[in-house]
Amino acid sequence: MLHGFATWSVSSILTVVLLSSAVGGIIGGSATMLGKLASASGQGVQAASPVLGDLVSQATGITPADVKQQAGQLVSDPQFQAFIMSVVRNGDADPQARQNLVQLVSQKQGVSQDQASTEVNDWQQKLMSARDQAKVKATAAADQAASGLAKTALWSFVALLLGAIAATIGGLLGARTILLPVRTV
C-alpha cells in the first residue's frame, strides 16, 4: 500500500516540476514578447494609430475611412493623434491637447471655434464609447478565462486524488503477501 502511494507521490512531484518549468518558460517568453511590444509602442503615437483605428473600427463600426472623411487632413496631424491617445489612455482628453485640436479644426476646416469644439466633443464621445466597449469585452474575456482556469484546477485536483487512491490500491493489491498480525501462543 505504501509503495503505491510513494510511487504516485514521486511521479506527481516530478510532473509538477516539469509542468512548472514549462509554464515558467511560457511566462518568460510572454514577458519577453510584452517587453518587445511595449518597446515598439514607445516608438511613437504614429506607429500605434493603425492599431487604434482597428480597435475603434471593431468597437464602434466606425472605419478609419469614416474618420478620415469627417476629420479630413487632421488624421495625420500629431495634435489629432495626441488627442486620440489622451482619450484612449485616460478616458478624457488632456485640456491642452483638446484646445490645440479645436484650434486646428477651426483653421483647417474654416469653421468657428464653437463648431470645432462641437466636432471635437463628438469625436471624444465616440472614442470614449469605443474605449468603454473595449473594456467591457476585455473584462468578459478575463472572466471567461478565470472561470476556465478554476474548472481546470478543480478537475486537476480530482484527477490527482483519484490517482492517489488508485496508486494506493494498486500498491496494496500488488504486494506479495498481506501482512497479518502474528499471534504468539
N, C-alpha and C. Protein backbone atom coordinates (compact mmCIF):
# COMPACT_ATOMS: atom_id res chain seq x y z
N MET A 1 0.83 -1.18 0.00
CA MET A 1 0.00 0.00 0.00
C MET A 1 0.88 1.25 0.00
N LEU A 2 1.86 1.28 0.83
CA LEU A 2 2.72 2.44 0.94
C LEU A 2 3.55 2.65 -0.32
N HIS A 3 3.93 1.54 -0.98
CA HIS A 3 4.72 1.64 -2.20
C HIS A 3 3.94 2.33 -3.32
N GLY A 4 2.68 2.01 -3.45
CA GLY A 4 1.84 2.63 -4.48
C GLY A 4 1.68 4.11 -4.24
N PHE A 5 1.43 4.48 -2.99
CA PHE A 5 1.27 5.89 -2.66
C PHE A 5 2.59 6.65 -2.85
N ALA A 6 3.69 6.02 -2.46
CA ALA A 6 5.00 6.66 -2.62
C ALA A 6 5.33 6.85 -4.11
N THR A 7 5.01 5.85 -4.92
CA THR A 7 5.25 5.97 -6.36
C THR A 7 4.40 7.10 -6.95
N TRP A 8 3.16 7.16 -6.54
CA TRP A 8 2.27 8.24 -7.02
C TRP A 8 2.82 9.59 -6.58
N SER A 9 3.29 9.71 -5.34
CA SER A 9 3.81 10.98 -4.83
C SER A 9 5.01 11.45 -5.64
N VAL A 10 5.95 10.52 -5.87
CA VAL A 10 7.15 10.89 -6.63
C VAL A 10 6.79 11.30 -8.05
N SER A 11 5.91 10.52 -8.69
CA SER A 11 5.53 10.86 -10.07
C SER A 11 4.76 12.17 -10.12
N SER A 12 3.93 12.44 -9.13
CA SER A 12 3.20 13.72 -9.09
C SER A 12 4.15 14.90 -8.92
N ILE A 13 5.13 14.73 -8.04
CA ILE A 13 6.11 15.81 -7.82
C ILE A 13 6.91 16.06 -9.08
N LEU A 14 7.36 15.00 -9.75
CA LEU A 14 8.09 15.17 -11.00
C LEU A 14 7.23 15.85 -12.07
N THR A 15 5.96 15.46 -12.14
CA THR A 15 5.05 16.09 -13.11
C THR A 15 4.89 17.58 -12.82
N VAL A 16 4.71 17.92 -11.55
CA VAL A 16 4.56 19.34 -11.18
C VAL A 16 5.82 20.12 -11.51
N VAL A 17 6.99 19.53 -11.22
CA VAL A 17 8.25 20.22 -11.52
C VAL A 17 8.40 20.45 -13.01
N LEU A 18 8.13 19.41 -13.80
CA LEU A 18 8.26 19.54 -15.26
C LEU A 18 7.25 20.53 -15.83
N LEU A 19 6.01 20.47 -15.34
CA LEU A 19 5.00 21.41 -15.83
C LEU A 19 5.31 22.85 -15.42
N SER A 20 5.78 23.01 -14.19
CA SER A 20 6.08 24.38 -13.74
C SER A 20 7.25 24.97 -14.51
N SER A 21 8.24 24.15 -14.86
CA SER A 21 9.35 24.69 -15.65
C SER A 21 8.87 25.03 -17.06
N ALA A 22 7.95 24.23 -17.61
CA ALA A 22 7.39 24.54 -18.93
C ALA A 22 6.55 25.80 -18.87
N VAL A 23 5.74 25.92 -17.84
CA VAL A 23 4.92 27.13 -17.68
C VAL A 23 5.81 28.34 -17.44
N GLY A 24 6.88 28.14 -16.67
CA GLY A 24 7.83 29.24 -16.45
C GLY A 24 8.44 29.71 -17.75
N GLY A 25 8.78 28.76 -18.62
CA GLY A 25 9.31 29.13 -19.95
C GLY A 25 8.30 29.90 -20.77
N ILE A 26 7.04 29.46 -20.70
CA ILE A 26 5.97 30.16 -21.44
C ILE A 26 5.78 31.56 -20.89
N ILE A 27 5.77 31.68 -19.57
CA ILE A 27 5.60 33.01 -18.96
C ILE A 27 6.78 33.90 -19.29
N GLY A 28 7.99 33.34 -19.25
CA GLY A 28 9.17 34.13 -19.61
C GLY A 28 9.10 34.60 -21.06
N GLY A 29 8.68 33.71 -21.94
CA GLY A 29 8.52 34.09 -23.35
C GLY A 29 7.46 35.15 -23.53
N SER A 30 6.35 35.02 -22.78
CA SER A 30 5.29 36.03 -22.85
C SER A 30 5.78 37.37 -22.33
N ALA A 31 6.54 37.34 -21.25
CA ALA A 31 7.08 38.60 -20.70
C ALA A 31 8.02 39.26 -21.69
N THR A 32 8.83 38.44 -22.36
CA THR A 32 9.73 38.99 -23.37
C THR A 32 8.94 39.61 -24.51
N MET A 33 7.89 38.91 -24.93
CA MET A 33 7.06 39.43 -26.01
C MET A 33 6.38 40.74 -25.59
N LEU A 34 5.87 40.79 -24.35
CA LEU A 34 5.24 42.01 -23.87
C LEU A 34 6.24 43.16 -23.78
N GLY A 35 7.47 42.83 -23.37
CA GLY A 35 8.51 43.85 -23.32
C GLY A 35 8.80 44.41 -24.70
N LYS A 36 8.87 43.54 -25.68
CA LYS A 36 9.10 44.00 -27.06
C LYS A 36 7.92 44.82 -27.56
N LEU A 37 6.70 44.41 -27.17
CA LEU A 37 5.52 45.16 -27.56
C LEU A 37 5.53 46.55 -26.94
N ALA A 38 5.89 46.63 -25.67
CA ALA A 38 5.97 47.93 -25.01
C ALA A 38 7.03 48.80 -25.65
N SER A 39 8.15 48.20 -26.02
CA SER A 39 9.22 48.94 -26.69
C SER A 39 8.75 49.46 -28.03
N ALA A 40 8.03 48.63 -28.76
CA ALA A 40 7.53 49.05 -30.07
C ALA A 40 6.50 50.17 -29.93
N SER A 41 5.67 50.09 -28.88
CA SER A 41 4.66 51.14 -28.71
C SER A 41 5.29 52.45 -28.28
N GLY A 42 6.47 52.38 -27.69
CA GLY A 42 7.15 53.60 -27.28
C GLY A 42 7.77 54.36 -28.44
N GLN A 43 7.72 53.81 -29.64
CA GLN A 43 8.32 54.48 -30.79
C GLN A 43 7.42 55.55 -31.38
N GLY A 44 6.32 55.79 -30.72
CA GLY A 44 5.52 56.92 -31.16
C GLY A 44 4.06 56.61 -31.36
N VAL A 45 3.27 57.63 -31.29
CA VAL A 45 1.83 57.51 -31.47
C VAL A 45 1.51 57.11 -32.90
N GLN A 46 2.30 57.56 -33.82
CA GLN A 46 2.03 57.28 -35.22
C GLN A 46 2.10 55.79 -35.51
N ALA A 47 2.99 55.08 -34.86
CA ALA A 47 3.09 53.63 -35.06
C ALA A 47 1.87 52.92 -34.48
N ALA A 48 1.25 53.51 -33.45
CA ALA A 48 0.10 52.88 -32.81
C ALA A 48 -1.22 53.25 -33.45
N SER A 49 -1.25 54.24 -34.32
CA SER A 49 -2.52 54.69 -34.88
C SER A 49 -3.23 53.64 -35.72
N PRO A 50 -2.56 52.75 -36.47
CA PRO A 50 -3.32 51.71 -37.17
C PRO A 50 -4.01 50.74 -36.21
N VAL A 51 -3.34 50.41 -35.11
CA VAL A 51 -3.94 49.53 -34.12
C VAL A 51 -5.15 50.21 -33.48
N LEU A 52 -5.01 51.48 -33.18
CA LEU A 52 -6.10 52.24 -32.62
C LEU A 52 -7.27 52.30 -33.59
N GLY A 53 -6.96 52.50 -34.87
CA GLY A 53 -8.01 52.53 -35.89
C GLY A 53 -8.76 51.22 -35.93
N ASP A 54 -8.05 50.10 -35.82
CA ASP A 54 -8.70 48.79 -35.81
C ASP A 54 -9.56 48.62 -34.57
N LEU A 55 -9.06 49.07 -33.42
CA LEU A 55 -9.82 48.98 -32.18
C LEU A 55 -11.12 49.77 -32.28
N VAL A 56 -11.01 51.00 -32.75
CA VAL A 56 -12.19 51.84 -32.88
C VAL A 56 -13.16 51.24 -33.90
N SER A 57 -12.63 50.72 -35.01
CA SER A 57 -13.48 50.12 -36.03
C SER A 57 -14.24 48.92 -35.50
N GLN A 58 -13.55 48.06 -34.75
CA GLN A 58 -14.20 46.87 -34.21
C GLN A 58 -15.23 47.22 -33.15
N ALA A 59 -14.92 48.18 -32.33
CA ALA A 59 -15.80 48.50 -31.21
C ALA A 59 -17.03 49.30 -31.62
N THR A 60 -16.88 50.20 -32.59
CA THR A 60 -17.98 51.10 -32.92
C THR A 60 -18.53 50.94 -34.32
N GLY A 61 -17.80 50.25 -35.17
CA GLY A 61 -18.24 50.16 -36.56
C GLY A 61 -17.81 51.36 -37.38
N ILE A 62 -17.08 52.28 -36.75
CA ILE A 62 -16.59 53.46 -37.46
C ILE A 62 -15.25 53.09 -38.07
N THR A 63 -15.14 53.19 -39.36
CA THR A 63 -13.90 52.82 -40.04
C THR A 63 -12.96 54.01 -40.10
N PRO A 64 -11.68 53.74 -40.30
CA PRO A 64 -10.74 54.85 -40.46
C PRO A 64 -11.12 55.76 -41.64
N ALA A 65 -11.75 55.17 -42.66
CA ALA A 65 -12.19 55.99 -43.79
C ALA A 65 -13.26 56.98 -43.35
N ASP A 66 -14.17 56.54 -42.45
CA ASP A 66 -15.19 57.45 -41.93
C ASP A 66 -14.55 58.60 -41.16
N VAL A 67 -13.58 58.23 -40.33
CA VAL A 67 -12.89 59.26 -39.54
C VAL A 67 -12.15 60.21 -40.46
N LYS A 68 -11.49 59.64 -41.46
CA LYS A 68 -10.73 60.47 -42.39
C LYS A 68 -11.65 61.42 -43.15
N GLN A 69 -12.83 60.89 -43.54
CA GLN A 69 -13.79 61.74 -44.25
C GLN A 69 -14.26 62.88 -43.35
N GLN A 70 -14.52 62.55 -42.09
CA GLN A 70 -15.01 63.58 -41.17
C GLN A 70 -13.89 64.52 -40.75
N ALA A 71 -12.72 63.98 -40.52
CA ALA A 71 -11.64 64.80 -39.99
C ALA A 71 -10.79 65.44 -41.08
N GLY A 72 -10.88 64.91 -42.28
CA GLY A 72 -10.10 65.48 -43.37
C GLY A 72 -8.61 65.26 -43.17
N GLN A 73 -7.84 66.32 -43.28
CA GLN A 73 -6.39 66.23 -43.17
C GLN A 73 -5.91 66.09 -41.73
N LEU A 74 -6.81 66.17 -40.80
CA LEU A 74 -6.43 66.16 -39.39
C LEU A 74 -5.92 64.81 -38.91
N VAL A 75 -6.31 63.73 -39.57
CA VAL A 75 -5.98 62.39 -39.09
C VAL A 75 -4.48 62.19 -38.93
N SER A 76 -3.71 62.72 -39.84
CA SER A 76 -2.26 62.51 -39.77
C SER A 76 -1.56 63.58 -38.94
N ASP A 77 -2.29 64.54 -38.44
CA ASP A 77 -1.68 65.61 -37.65
C ASP A 77 -1.32 65.10 -36.25
N PRO A 78 -0.12 65.42 -35.75
CA PRO A 78 0.29 64.96 -34.41
C PRO A 78 -0.62 65.44 -33.29
N GLN A 79 -1.22 66.62 -33.44
CA GLN A 79 -2.12 67.13 -32.40
C GLN A 79 -3.39 66.27 -32.33
N PHE A 80 -3.89 65.84 -33.49
CA PHE A 80 -5.06 64.97 -33.54
C PHE A 80 -4.73 63.62 -32.90
N GLN A 81 -3.57 63.08 -33.23
CA GLN A 81 -3.18 61.79 -32.67
C GLN A 81 -2.94 61.89 -31.17
N ALA A 82 -2.37 62.99 -30.71
CA ALA A 82 -2.16 63.19 -29.27
C ALA A 82 -3.50 63.24 -28.54
N PHE A 83 -4.48 63.89 -29.16
CA PHE A 83 -5.82 63.97 -28.59
C PHE A 83 -6.43 62.57 -28.47
N ILE A 84 -6.34 61.79 -29.53
CA ILE A 84 -6.91 60.44 -29.54
C ILE A 84 -6.24 59.57 -28.47
N MET A 85 -4.92 59.62 -28.42
CA MET A 85 -4.21 58.80 -27.44
C MET A 85 -4.54 59.23 -26.01
N SER A 86 -4.73 60.50 -25.79
CA SER A 86 -5.09 61.00 -24.46
C SER A 86 -6.46 60.46 -24.05
N VAL A 87 -7.41 60.47 -24.98
CA VAL A 87 -8.76 59.96 -24.68
C VAL A 87 -8.72 58.46 -24.44
N VAL A 88 -7.99 57.74 -25.28
CA VAL A 88 -7.93 56.29 -25.14
C VAL A 88 -7.23 55.87 -23.85
N ARG A 89 -6.14 56.53 -23.51
CA ARG A 89 -5.40 56.16 -22.30
C ARG A 89 -6.11 56.58 -21.02
N ASN A 90 -6.58 57.81 -20.98
CA ASN A 90 -7.09 58.38 -19.73
C ASN A 90 -8.60 58.42 -19.62
N GLY A 91 -9.30 58.19 -20.71
CA GLY A 91 -10.75 58.27 -20.69
C GLY A 91 -11.25 59.69 -20.88
N ASP A 92 -10.36 60.63 -20.87
CA ASP A 92 -10.72 62.03 -21.07
C ASP A 92 -9.54 62.70 -21.76
N ALA A 93 -9.86 63.75 -22.48
CA ALA A 93 -8.82 64.44 -23.24
C ALA A 93 -8.03 65.37 -22.33
N ASP A 94 -6.76 65.45 -22.59
CA ASP A 94 -5.91 66.44 -21.94
C ASP A 94 -6.43 67.82 -22.39
N PRO A 95 -6.70 68.74 -21.46
CA PRO A 95 -7.27 70.04 -21.85
C PRO A 95 -6.44 70.77 -22.90
N GLN A 96 -5.12 70.71 -22.76
CA GLN A 96 -4.26 71.40 -23.72
C GLN A 96 -4.35 70.75 -25.10
N ALA A 97 -4.35 69.41 -25.13
CA ALA A 97 -4.46 68.70 -26.41
C ALA A 97 -5.81 68.98 -27.06
N ARG A 98 -6.86 69.05 -26.25
CA ARG A 98 -8.20 69.34 -26.77
C ARG A 98 -8.26 70.74 -27.36
N GLN A 99 -7.73 71.71 -26.64
CA GLN A 99 -7.75 73.09 -27.12
C GLN A 99 -6.93 73.24 -28.41
N ASN A 100 -5.77 72.59 -28.46
CA ASN A 100 -4.96 72.63 -29.68
C ASN A 100 -5.72 72.03 -30.86
N LEU A 101 -6.44 70.95 -30.62
CA LEU A 101 -7.20 70.31 -31.69
C LEU A 101 -8.36 71.19 -32.13
N VAL A 102 -9.03 71.83 -31.20
CA VAL A 102 -10.13 72.73 -31.56
C VAL A 102 -9.61 73.85 -32.46
N GLN A 103 -8.48 74.43 -32.11
CA GLN A 103 -7.91 75.49 -32.94
C GLN A 103 -7.50 74.96 -34.31
N LEU A 104 -6.94 73.77 -34.35
CA LEU A 104 -6.52 73.16 -35.61
C LEU A 104 -7.72 72.88 -36.50
N VAL A 105 -8.79 72.32 -35.93
CA VAL A 105 -10.01 72.04 -36.70
C VAL A 105 -10.60 73.33 -37.23
N SER A 106 -10.62 74.34 -36.39
CA SER A 106 -11.15 75.64 -36.81
C SER A 106 -10.36 76.20 -37.99
N GLN A 107 -9.05 76.09 -37.93
CA GLN A 107 -8.19 76.61 -39.01
C GLN A 107 -8.32 75.78 -40.28
N LYS A 108 -8.22 74.45 -40.14
CA LYS A 108 -8.19 73.57 -41.32
C LYS A 108 -9.53 73.51 -42.03
N GLN A 109 -10.61 73.52 -41.26
CA GLN A 109 -11.93 73.37 -41.87
C GLN A 109 -12.65 74.71 -42.07
N GLY A 110 -12.05 75.76 -41.59
CA GLY A 110 -12.65 77.09 -41.78
C GLY A 110 -13.97 77.25 -41.06
N VAL A 111 -14.08 76.71 -39.85
CA VAL A 111 -15.30 76.83 -39.06
C VAL A 111 -14.99 77.63 -37.79
N SER A 112 -16.05 78.02 -37.10
CA SER A 112 -15.87 78.78 -35.87
C SER A 112 -15.33 77.88 -34.75
N GLN A 113 -14.84 78.53 -33.69
CA GLN A 113 -14.32 77.79 -32.54
C GLN A 113 -15.42 76.92 -31.92
N ASP A 114 -16.66 77.45 -31.87
CA ASP A 114 -17.77 76.69 -31.28
C ASP A 114 -18.08 75.44 -32.11
N GLN A 115 -18.10 75.59 -33.43
CA GLN A 115 -18.37 74.43 -34.29
C GLN A 115 -17.24 73.40 -34.17
N ALA A 116 -16.02 73.88 -34.14
CA ALA A 116 -14.88 72.99 -33.99
C ALA A 116 -14.94 72.27 -32.64
N SER A 117 -15.31 72.98 -31.59
CA SER A 117 -15.41 72.39 -30.27
C SER A 117 -16.50 71.31 -30.24
N THR A 118 -17.62 71.58 -30.92
CA THR A 118 -18.70 70.60 -31.00
C THR A 118 -18.22 69.34 -31.73
N GLU A 119 -17.48 69.53 -32.81
CA GLU A 119 -16.96 68.39 -33.58
C GLU A 119 -15.97 67.58 -32.75
N VAL A 120 -15.10 68.27 -32.03
CA VAL A 120 -14.14 67.58 -31.18
C VAL A 120 -14.85 66.84 -30.05
N ASN A 121 -15.89 67.44 -29.48
CA ASN A 121 -16.68 66.76 -28.45
C ASN A 121 -17.30 65.48 -28.99
N ASP A 122 -17.80 65.55 -30.22
CA ASP A 122 -18.40 64.38 -30.85
C ASP A 122 -17.36 63.27 -31.00
N TRP A 123 -16.16 63.61 -31.47
CA TRP A 123 -15.09 62.63 -31.61
C TRP A 123 -14.74 62.03 -30.25
N GLN A 124 -14.66 62.92 -29.24
CA GLN A 124 -14.30 62.47 -27.90
C GLN A 124 -15.34 61.48 -27.37
N GLN A 125 -16.62 61.77 -27.58
CA GLN A 125 -17.68 60.87 -27.11
C GLN A 125 -17.59 59.51 -27.81
N LYS A 126 -17.33 59.53 -29.11
CA LYS A 126 -17.22 58.27 -29.86
C LYS A 126 -16.02 57.46 -29.38
N LEU A 127 -14.91 58.12 -29.15
CA LEU A 127 -13.71 57.43 -28.67
C LEU A 127 -13.91 56.86 -27.27
N MET A 128 -14.55 57.63 -26.40
CA MET A 128 -14.80 57.14 -25.04
C MET A 128 -15.76 55.96 -25.06
N SER A 129 -16.74 56.01 -25.95
CA SER A 129 -17.67 54.90 -26.09
C SER A 129 -16.94 53.65 -26.58
N ALA A 130 -16.06 53.82 -27.57
CA ALA A 130 -15.28 52.69 -28.08
C ALA A 130 -14.38 52.13 -26.99
N ARG A 131 -13.77 53.02 -26.20
CA ARG A 131 -12.89 52.59 -25.11
C ARG A 131 -13.68 51.80 -24.07
N ASP A 132 -14.87 52.29 -23.72
CA ASP A 132 -15.69 51.60 -22.73
C ASP A 132 -16.13 50.23 -23.24
N GLN A 133 -16.50 50.15 -24.51
CA GLN A 133 -16.91 48.87 -25.09
C GLN A 133 -15.73 47.89 -25.09
N ALA A 134 -14.56 48.39 -25.40
CA ALA A 134 -13.37 47.53 -25.39
C ALA A 134 -13.09 47.02 -23.98
N LYS A 135 -13.29 47.87 -22.96
CA LYS A 135 -13.09 47.45 -21.58
C LYS A 135 -14.08 46.36 -21.20
N VAL A 136 -15.33 46.51 -21.62
CA VAL A 136 -16.35 45.51 -21.30
C VAL A 136 -15.99 44.17 -21.94
N LYS A 137 -15.56 44.22 -23.20
CA LYS A 137 -15.17 42.99 -23.89
C LYS A 137 -13.96 42.35 -23.22
N ALA A 138 -13.00 43.15 -22.81
CA ALA A 138 -11.80 42.62 -22.15
C ALA A 138 -12.15 42.01 -20.81
N THR A 139 -13.04 42.65 -20.06
CA THR A 139 -13.47 42.12 -18.77
C THR A 139 -14.20 40.80 -18.95
N ALA A 140 -15.06 40.72 -19.95
CA ALA A 140 -15.78 39.48 -20.21
C ALA A 140 -14.81 38.36 -20.59
N ALA A 141 -13.83 38.67 -21.39
CA ALA A 141 -12.84 37.66 -21.78
C ALA A 141 -12.03 37.21 -20.57
N ALA A 142 -11.66 38.14 -19.69
CA ALA A 142 -10.91 37.80 -18.48
C ALA A 142 -11.74 36.93 -17.54
N ASP A 143 -13.02 37.26 -17.41
CA ASP A 143 -13.90 36.45 -16.56
C ASP A 143 -14.04 35.03 -17.11
N GLN A 144 -14.16 34.92 -18.41
CA GLN A 144 -14.28 33.61 -19.04
C GLN A 144 -12.99 32.80 -18.84
N ALA A 145 -11.86 33.45 -18.99
CA ALA A 145 -10.58 32.76 -18.78
C ALA A 145 -10.42 32.32 -17.33
N ALA A 146 -10.82 33.17 -16.38
CA ALA A 146 -10.73 32.82 -14.96
C ALA A 146 -11.63 31.64 -14.63
N SER A 147 -12.81 31.62 -15.22
CA SER A 147 -13.74 30.52 -14.99
C SER A 147 -13.15 29.21 -15.54
N GLY A 148 -12.58 29.27 -16.72
CA GLY A 148 -11.95 28.08 -17.30
C GLY A 148 -10.78 27.59 -16.48
N LEU A 149 -10.00 28.52 -15.96
CA LEU A 149 -8.85 28.15 -15.13
C LEU A 149 -9.31 27.52 -13.82
N ALA A 150 -10.38 28.03 -13.23
CA ALA A 150 -10.89 27.46 -11.99
C ALA A 150 -11.40 26.04 -12.21
N LYS A 151 -12.10 25.82 -13.33
CA LYS A 151 -12.59 24.47 -13.64
C LYS A 151 -11.42 23.51 -13.87
N THR A 152 -10.41 23.99 -14.57
CA THR A 152 -9.23 23.16 -14.82
C THR A 152 -8.54 22.79 -13.51
N ALA A 153 -8.42 23.74 -12.60
CA ALA A 153 -7.78 23.47 -11.31
C ALA A 153 -8.58 22.45 -10.51
N LEU A 154 -9.90 22.57 -10.52
CA LEU A 154 -10.75 21.64 -9.78
C LEU A 154 -10.62 20.23 -10.34
N TRP A 155 -10.70 20.11 -11.65
CA TRP A 155 -10.60 18.77 -12.25
C TRP A 155 -9.19 18.20 -12.12
N SER A 156 -8.18 19.04 -12.10
CA SER A 156 -6.82 18.56 -11.86
C SER A 156 -6.70 17.98 -10.45
N PHE A 157 -7.30 18.64 -9.49
CA PHE A 157 -7.29 18.14 -8.12
C PHE A 157 -8.01 16.80 -8.02
N VAL A 158 -9.17 16.70 -8.65
CA VAL A 158 -9.93 15.44 -8.64
C VAL A 158 -9.09 14.33 -9.28
N ALA A 159 -8.44 14.63 -10.40
CA ALA A 159 -7.62 13.63 -11.08
C ALA A 159 -6.45 13.20 -10.19
N LEU A 160 -5.82 14.13 -9.51
CA LEU A 160 -4.72 13.78 -8.60
C LEU A 160 -5.21 12.93 -7.44
N LEU A 161 -6.36 13.27 -6.90
CA LEU A 161 -6.93 12.50 -5.80
C LEU A 161 -7.26 11.07 -6.25
N LEU A 162 -7.89 10.94 -7.40
CA LEU A 162 -8.20 9.60 -7.92
C LEU A 162 -6.92 8.82 -8.22
N GLY A 163 -5.90 9.51 -8.73
CA GLY A 163 -4.62 8.85 -8.98
C GLY A 163 -3.99 8.34 -7.70
N ALA A 164 -4.09 9.13 -6.63
CA ALA A 164 -3.53 8.71 -5.34
C ALA A 164 -4.27 7.49 -4.81
N ILE A 165 -5.58 7.48 -4.94
CA ILE A 165 -6.38 6.34 -4.47
C ILE A 165 -6.04 5.09 -5.29
N ALA A 166 -5.98 5.26 -6.62
CA ALA A 166 -5.67 4.12 -7.48
C ALA A 166 -4.27 3.59 -7.21
N ALA A 167 -3.31 4.46 -7.00
CA ALA A 167 -1.94 4.02 -6.72
C ALA A 167 -1.86 3.30 -5.39
N THR A 168 -2.58 3.77 -4.40
CA THR A 168 -2.58 3.13 -3.09
C THR A 168 -3.20 1.75 -3.18
N ILE A 169 -4.33 1.65 -3.87
CA ILE A 169 -4.98 0.34 -4.04
C ILE A 169 -4.09 -0.59 -4.86
N GLY A 170 -3.47 -0.06 -5.92
CA GLY A 170 -2.56 -0.87 -6.73
C GLY A 170 -1.38 -1.37 -5.91
N GLY A 171 -0.84 -0.54 -5.07
CA GLY A 171 0.26 -0.97 -4.20
C GLY A 171 -0.19 -2.03 -3.21
N LEU A 172 -1.40 -1.90 -2.73
CA LEU A 172 -1.94 -2.88 -1.79
C LEU A 172 -2.16 -4.21 -2.48
N LEU A 173 -2.74 -4.18 -3.67
CA LEU A 173 -3.01 -5.42 -4.40
C LEU A 173 -1.75 -6.04 -4.97
N GLY A 174 -0.74 -5.25 -5.22
CA GLY A 174 0.48 -5.76 -5.80
C GLY A 174 1.46 -6.33 -4.79
N ALA A 175 1.15 -6.23 -3.54
CA ALA A 175 2.04 -6.76 -2.51
C ALA A 175 2.07 -8.28 -2.59
N ARG A 176 3.22 -8.88 -2.35
CA ARG A 176 3.36 -10.34 -2.43
C ARG A 176 2.55 -11.04 -1.36
N THR A 177 2.62 -10.50 -0.22
CA THR A 177 1.85 -11.10 0.87
C THR A 177 1.19 -9.99 1.65
N ILE A 178 0.13 -10.33 2.21
CA ILE A 178 -0.56 -9.38 3.07
C ILE A 178 -0.11 -9.70 4.49
N LEU A 179 0.38 -8.70 5.12
CA LEU A 179 0.89 -8.91 6.46
C LEU A 179 -0.26 -9.03 7.43
N LEU A 180 -0.24 -10.13 8.14
CA LEU A 180 -1.26 -10.34 9.16
C LEU A 180 -0.57 -10.23 10.52
N PRO A 181 -1.32 -9.82 11.49
CA PRO A 181 -0.70 -9.75 12.80
C PRO A 181 -0.26 -11.15 13.26
N VAL A 182 0.89 -11.24 13.84
CA VAL A 182 1.43 -12.51 14.33
C VAL A 182 0.94 -12.72 15.75
N ARG A 183 0.40 -13.91 15.93
CA ARG A 183 -0.08 -14.25 17.26
C ARG A 183 0.95 -15.16 17.95
N THR A 184 1.21 -14.89 19.12
CA THR A 184 2.10 -15.78 19.87
C THR A 184 1.25 -16.64 20.80
N VAL A 185 1.57 -17.88 20.76
CA VAL A 185 0.80 -18.80 21.61
C VAL A 185 1.60 -19.20 22.81
